[in-house]
C-alpha cells in the first residue's frame, strides 16, 4: 500500500471515530421530547387570544 493511501485511511478512520463519538455524546445529553414532563404553564384553560396586549378581554369590550 502506498504511503499516501495509508495517510488517507488513517485520517478517514480518525474522522469517522470522531463523528461517532460526537453523535454518542450529543445523544446522551438530550432527551426524547415525549419523555419530558408536561409543563403545567402550557396547559392553561383560558384562551390567550381573548386577551389583548393591554390585558383587557377583547371579547367583553364596550
PDB file of N, CA and C in Angstrom:
ATOM      1  N   UNK A   1       0.838  -1.167   0.000  1.00  0.00           N
ATOM      2  CA  UNK A   1       0.000   0.000   0.000  1.00  0.00           C
ATOM      3  C   UNK A   1       0.892   1.242   0.000  1.00  0.00           C
ATOM      4  N   UNK A   2       0.515   2.231  -0.794  1.00  0.00           N
ATOM      5  CA  UNK A   2       1.310   3.447  -0.867  1.00  0.00           C
ATOM      6  C   UNK A   2       1.167   4.257   0.425  1.00  0.00           C
ATOM      7  N   UNK A   3       2.171   5.083   0.658  1.00  0.00           N
ATOM      8  CA  UNK A   3       2.195   5.898   1.868  1.00  0.00           C
ATOM      9  C   UNK A   3       1.023   6.884   1.888  1.00  0.00           C
ATOM     10  N   UNK A   4       0.679   7.481   0.743  1.00  0.00           N
ATOM     11  CA  UNK A   4      -0.418   8.444   0.693  1.00  0.00           C
ATOM     12  C   UNK A   4      -1.768   7.782   0.985  1.00  0.00           C
ATOM     13  N   UNK A   5      -1.914   6.525   0.581  1.00  0.00           N
ATOM     14  CA  UNK A   5      -3.161   5.804   0.843  1.00  0.00           C
ATOM     15  C   UNK A   5      -3.282   5.477   2.331  1.00  0.00           C
ATOM     16  N   UNK A   6      -2.162   5.134   2.976  1.00  0.00           N
ATOM     17  CA  UNK A   6      -2.175   4.866   4.413  1.00  0.00           C
ATOM     18  C   UNK A   6      -2.533   6.122   5.196  1.00  0.00           C
ATOM     19  N   UNK A   7      -1.981   7.253   4.786  1.00  0.00           N
ATOM     20  CA  UNK A   7      -2.287   8.519   5.455  1.00  0.00           C
ATOM     21  C   UNK A   7      -3.774   8.860   5.295  1.00  0.00           C
ATOM     22  N   UNK A   8      -4.300   8.674   4.087  1.00  0.00           N
ATOM     23  CA  UNK A   8      -5.710   8.949   3.847  1.00  0.00           C
ATOM     24  C   UNK A   8      -6.601   8.056   4.702  1.00  0.00           C
ATOM     25  N   UNK A   9      -6.307   6.760   4.756  1.00  0.00           N
ATOM     26  CA  UNK A   9      -7.116   5.839   5.555  1.00  0.00           C
ATOM     27  C   UNK A   9      -7.039   6.160   7.047  1.00  0.00           C
ATOM     28  N   UNK A  10      -5.870   6.571   7.508  1.00  0.00           N
ATOM     29  CA  UNK A  10      -5.714   6.945   8.911  1.00  0.00           C
ATOM     30  C   UNK A  10      -6.560   8.175   9.237  1.00  0.00           C
ATOM     31  N   UNK A  11      -6.496   9.179   8.378  1.00  0.00           N
ATOM     32  CA  UNK A  11      -7.286  10.395   8.597  1.00  0.00           C
ATOM     33  C   UNK A  11      -8.782  10.091   8.493  1.00  0.00           C
ATOM     34  N   UNK A  12      -9.185   9.281   7.528  1.00  0.00           N
ATOM     35  CA  UNK A  12     -10.594   8.923   7.363  1.00  0.00           C
ATOM     36  C   UNK A  12     -11.106   8.139   8.565  1.00  0.00           C
ATOM     37  N   UNK A  13     -10.335   7.199   9.070  1.00  0.00           N
ATOM     38  CA  UNK A  13     -10.734   6.422  10.239  1.00  0.00           C
ATOM     39  C   UNK A  13     -10.832   7.305  11.480  1.00  0.00           C
ATOM     40  N   UNK A  14      -9.874   8.213  11.650  1.00  0.00           N
ATOM     41  CA  UNK A  14      -9.913   9.148  12.770  1.00  0.00           C
ATOM     42  C   UNK A  14     -11.156  10.031  12.693  1.00  0.00           C
ATOM     43  N   UNK A  15     -11.477  10.533  11.512  1.00  0.00           N
ATOM     44  CA  UNK A  15     -12.654  11.369  11.318  1.00  0.00           C
ATOM     45  C   UNK A  15     -13.924  10.584  11.637  1.00  0.00           C
ATOM     46  N   UNK A  16     -14.009   9.347  11.162  1.00  0.00           N
ATOM     47  CA  UNK A  16     -15.178   8.510  11.400  1.00  0.00           C
ATOM     48  C   UNK A  16     -15.370   8.234  12.891  1.00  0.00           C
ATOM     49  N   UNK A  17     -14.296   7.942  13.596  1.00  0.00           N
ATOM     50  CA  UNK A  17     -14.371   7.700  15.039  1.00  0.00           C
ATOM     51  C   UNK A  17     -14.791   8.969  15.768  1.00  0.00           C
ATOM     52  N   UNK A  18     -14.274  10.115  15.354  1.00  0.00           N
ATOM     53  CA  UNK A  18     -14.656  11.391  15.961  1.00  0.00           C
ATOM     54  C   UNK A  18     -16.139  11.681  15.767  1.00  0.00           C
ATOM     55  N   UNK A  19     -16.657  11.435  14.585  1.00  0.00           N
ATOM     56  CA  UNK A  19     -18.081  11.660  14.312  1.00  0.00           C
ATOM     57  C   UNK A  19     -18.943  10.725  15.158  1.00  0.00           C
ATOM     58  N   UNK A  20     -18.545   9.465  15.278  1.00  0.00           N
ATOM     59  CA  UNK A  20     -19.288   8.528  16.122  1.00  0.00           C
ATOM     60  C   UNK A  20     -19.288   8.973  17.584  1.00  0.00           C
ATOM     61  N   UNK A  21     -18.142   9.447  18.069  1.00  0.00           N
ATOM     62  CA  UNK A  21     -18.062   9.932  19.445  1.00  0.00           C
ATOM     63  C   UNK A  21     -18.960  11.140  19.654  1.00  0.00           C
ATOM     64  N   UNK A  22     -18.936  12.089  18.722  1.00  0.00           N
ATOM     65  CA  UNK A  22     -19.785  13.271  18.849  1.00  0.00           C
ATOM     66  C   UNK A  22     -21.265  12.911  18.812  1.00  0.00           C
ATOM     67  N   UNK A  23     -21.656  11.990  17.960  1.00  0.00           N
ATOM     68  CA  UNK A  23     -23.057  11.553  17.896  1.00  0.00           C
ATOM     69  C   UNK A  23     -23.483  10.902  19.211  1.00  0.00           C
ATOM     70  N   UNK A  24     -22.612  10.077  19.776  1.00  0.00           N
ATOM     71  CA  UNK A  24     -22.917   9.442  21.057  1.00  0.00           C
ATOM     72  C   UNK A  24     -23.018  10.485  22.163  1.00  0.00           C
ATOM     73  N   UNK A  25     -22.098  11.424  22.191  1.00  0.00           N
ATOM     74  CA  UNK A  25     -22.087  12.459  23.228  1.00  0.00           C
ATOM     75  C   UNK A  25     -23.349  13.311  23.155  1.00  0.00           C
ATOM     76  N   UNK A  26     -23.740  13.725  21.967  1.00  0.00           N
ATOM     77  CA  UNK A  26     -24.944  14.533  21.813  1.00  0.00           C
ATOM     78  C   UNK A  26     -26.184  13.733  22.202  1.00  0.00           C
ATOM     79  N   UNK A  27     -26.233  12.465  21.831  1.00  0.00           N
ATOM     80  CA  UNK A  27     -27.414  11.661  22.142  1.00  0.00           C
ATOM     81  C   UNK A  27     -27.563  11.394  23.633  1.00  0.00           C
ATOM     82  N   UNK A  28     -26.477  11.371  24.374  1.00  0.00           N
ATOM     83  CA  UNK A  28     -26.588  11.154  25.819  1.00  0.00           C
ATOM     84  C   UNK A  28     -26.975  12.422  26.557  1.00  0.00           C
ATOM     85  N   UNK A  29     -26.750  13.577  25.962  1.00  0.00           N
ATOM     86  CA  UNK A  29     -27.078  14.840  26.619  1.00  0.00           C
ATOM     87  C   UNK A  29     -28.502  15.319  26.325  1.00  0.00           C
ATOM     88  N   UNK A  30     -29.177  14.719  25.391  1.00  0.00           N
ATOM     89  CA  UNK A  30     -30.521  15.140  25.039  1.00  0.00           C
ATOM     90  C   UNK A  30     -31.528  14.065  25.418  1.00  0.00           C
ATOM     91  N   UNK A  31     -32.786  14.474  25.545  1.00  0.00           N
ATOM     92  CA  UNK A  31     -33.846  13.532  25.856  1.00  0.00           C
ATOM     93  C   UNK A  31     -34.897  13.586  24.761  1.00  0.00           C
ATOM     94  N   UNK A  32     -35.612  12.496  24.613  1.00  0.00           N
ATOM     95  CA  UNK A  32     -36.716  12.436  23.664  1.00  0.00           C
ATOM     96  C   UNK A  32     -37.830  13.344  24.177  1.00  0.00           C
ATOM     97  N   UNK A  33     -38.414  14.198  23.328  1.00  0.00           N
ATOM     98  CA  UNK A  33     -39.433  15.141  23.808  1.00  0.00           C
ATOM     99  C   UNK A  33     -40.621  14.465  24.497  1.00  0.00           C
ATOM    100  N   UNK A  34     -40.942  13.243  24.154  1.00  0.00           N
ATOM    101  CA  UNK A  34     -42.049  12.553  24.790  1.00  0.00           C
ATOM    102  C   UNK A  34     -41.750  12.106  26.208  1.00  0.00           C
ATOM    103  N   UNK A  35     -40.492  12.098  26.609  1.00  0.00           N
ATOM    104  CA  UNK A  35     -40.120  11.662  27.950  1.00  0.00           C
ATOM    105  C   UNK A  35     -40.151  12.793  28.973  1.00  0.00           C
ATOM    106  N   UNK A  36     -40.113  14.032  28.512  1.00  0.00           N
ATOM    107  CA  UNK A  36     -40.092  15.158  29.433  1.00  0.00           C
ATOM    108  C   UNK A  36     -41.462  15.331  30.077  1.00  0.00           C
ATOM    109  N   UNK A  37     -41.499  15.760  31.344  1.00  0.00           N
ATOM    110  CA  UNK A  37     -42.798  16.017  31.968  1.00  0.00           C
ATOM    111  C   UNK A  37     -43.471  17.225  31.316  1.00  0.00           C
ATOM    112  N   UNK A  38     -44.774  17.207  31.302  1.00  0.00           N
ATOM    113  CA  UNK A  38     -45.538  18.279  30.675  1.00  0.00           C
ATOM    114  C   UNK A  38     -45.503  19.501  31.577  1.00  0.00           C
ATOM    115  N   UNK A  39     -45.212  20.650  31.002  1.00  0.00           N
ATOM    116  CA  UNK A  39     -45.172  21.899  31.746  1.00  0.00           C
ATOM    117  C   UNK A  39     -46.596  22.357  32.035  1.00  0.00           C
ATOM    118  N   UNK A  40     -46.916  22.585  33.300  1.00  0.00           N
ATOM    119  CA  UNK A  40     -48.280  22.945  33.680  1.00  0.00           C
ATOM    120  C   UNK A  40     -48.663  24.339  33.182  1.00  0.00           C
ATOM    121  N   UNK A  41     -47.690  25.201  32.965  1.00  0.00           N
ATOM    122  CA  UNK A  41     -47.991  26.537  32.468  1.00  0.00           C
ATOM    123  C   UNK A  41     -48.505  26.508  31.033  1.00  0.00           C
ATOM    124  N   UNK A  42     -48.155  25.481  30.291  1.00  0.00           N
ATOM    125  CA  UNK A  42     -48.612  25.383  28.912  1.00  0.00           C
ATOM    126  C   UNK A  42     -50.057  24.923  28.823  1.00  0.00           C
ATOM    127  N   UNK A  43     -50.567  24.286  29.866  1.00  0.00           N
ATOM    128  CA  UNK A  43     -51.921  23.763  29.855  1.00  0.00           C
ATOM    129  C   UNK A  43     -52.879  24.739  30.531  1.00  0.00           C
ATOM    130  N   UNK A  44     -53.013  25.907  30.003  1.00  0.00           N
ATOM    131  CA  UNK A  44     -53.944  26.869  30.564  1.00  0.00           C
ATOM    132  C   UNK A  44     -55.279  26.737  29.868  1.00  0.00           C
ATOM    133  N   UNK A  45     -56.338  26.889  30.631  1.00  0.00           N
ATOM    134  CA  UNK A  45     -57.662  26.737  30.046  1.00  0.00           C
ATOM    135  C   UNK A  45     -58.162  28.044  29.440  1.00  0.00           C
ATOM    136  N   UNK A  46     -57.600  29.185  29.829  1.00  0.00           N
ATOM    137  CA  UNK A  46     -58.030  30.476  29.305  1.00  0.00           C
ATOM    138  C   UNK A  46     -57.438  30.691  27.912  1.00  0.00           C
ATOM    139  N   UNK A  47     -58.244  31.149  27.015  1.00  0.00           N
ATOM    140  CA  UNK A  47     -57.801  31.393  25.647  1.00  0.00           C
ATOM    141  C   UNK A  47     -56.947  32.647  25.616  1.00  0.00           C
ATOM    142  N   UNK A  48     -55.715  32.541  25.197  1.00  0.00           N
ATOM    143  CA  UNK A  48     -54.811  33.690  25.195  1.00  0.00           C
ATOM    144  C   UNK A  48     -55.161  34.682  24.094  1.00  0.00           C
ATOM    145  N   UNK A  49     -55.915  34.274  23.091  1.00  0.00           N
ATOM    146  CA  UNK A  49     -56.297  35.194  22.028  1.00  0.00           C
ATOM    147  C   UNK A  49     -57.415  36.131  22.462  1.00  0.00           C
ATOM    148  N   UNK A  50     -58.111  35.794  23.536  1.00  0.00           N
ATOM    149  CA  UNK A  50     -59.200  36.639  24.008  1.00  0.00           C
ATOM    150  C   UNK A  50     -58.681  37.842  24.789  1.00  0.00           C
ATOM    151  N   UNK A  51     -57.422  37.826  25.168  1.00  0.00           N
ATOM    152  CA  UNK A  51     -56.836  38.935  25.934  1.00  0.00           C
ATOM    153  C   UNK A  51     -55.913  39.708  25.013  1.00  0.00           C
ATOM    154  N   UNK A  52     -56.121  41.039  24.927  1.00  0.00           N
ATOM    155  CA  UNK A  52     -55.256  41.837  24.060  1.00  0.00           C
ATOM    156  C   UNK A  52     -53.969  42.199  24.790  1.00  0.00           C
ATOM    157  N   UNK A  53     -53.135  43.000  24.164  1.00  0.00           N
ATOM    158  CA  UNK A  53     -51.821  43.299  24.724  1.00  0.00           C
ATOM    159  C   UNK A  53     -51.893  44.164  25.971  1.00  0.00           C
ATOM    160  N   UNK A  54     -53.009  44.858  26.206  1.00  0.00           N
ATOM    161  CA  UNK A  54     -53.154  45.704  27.393  1.00  0.00           C
ATOM    162  C   UNK A  54     -53.637  44.876  28.576  1.00  0.00           C
ATOM    163  N   UNK A  55     -54.205  43.721  28.308  1.00  0.00           N
ATOM    164  CA  UNK A  55     -54.653  42.850  29.378  1.00  0.00           C
ATOM    165  C   UNK A  55     -56.152  42.859  29.561  1.00  0.00           C
ATOM    166  N   UNK A  56     -56.874  43.561  28.721  1.00  0.00           N
ATOM    167  CA  UNK A  56     -58.334  43.581  28.810  1.00  0.00           C
ATOM    168  C   UNK A  56     -58.900  42.472  27.942  1.00  0.00           C
ATOM    169  N   UNK A  57     -60.082  41.994  28.303  1.00  0.00           N
ATOM    170  CA  UNK A  57     -60.750  40.999  27.484  1.00  0.00           C
ATOM    171  C   UNK A  57     -61.263  41.668  26.227  1.00  0.00           C
ATOM    172  N   UNK A  58     -60.833  41.201  25.065  1.00  0.00           N
ATOM    173  CA  UNK A  58     -61.292  41.788  23.826  1.00  0.00           C
ATOM    174  C   UNK A  58     -62.709  41.336  23.476  1.00  0.00           C
ATOM    175  N   UNK A  59     -63.151  40.251  24.064  1.00  0.00           N
ATOM    176  CA  UNK A  59     -64.494  39.743  23.798  1.00  0.00           C
ATOM    177  C   UNK A  59     -65.537  40.610  24.500  1.00  0.00           C
ATOM    178  N   UNK A  60     -65.200  41.083  25.706  1.00  0.00           N
ATOM    179  CA  UNK A  60     -66.167  41.811  26.512  1.00  0.00           C
ATOM    180  C   UNK A  60     -65.919  43.318  26.502  1.00  0.00           C
ATOM    181  N   UNK A  61     -65.305  43.839  25.483  1.00  0.00           N
ATOM    182  CA  UNK A  61     -65.066  45.280  25.416  1.00  0.00           C
ATOM    183  C   UNK A  61     -66.341  46.015  25.080  1.00  0.00           C
ATOM    184  N   UNK A  62     -66.480  47.221  25.624  1.00  0.00           N
ATOM    185  CA  UNK A  62     -67.668  48.038  25.342  1.00  0.00           C
ATOM    186  C   UNK A  62     -67.368  49.080  24.302  1.00  0.00           C
TER     187      UNK A  62
END
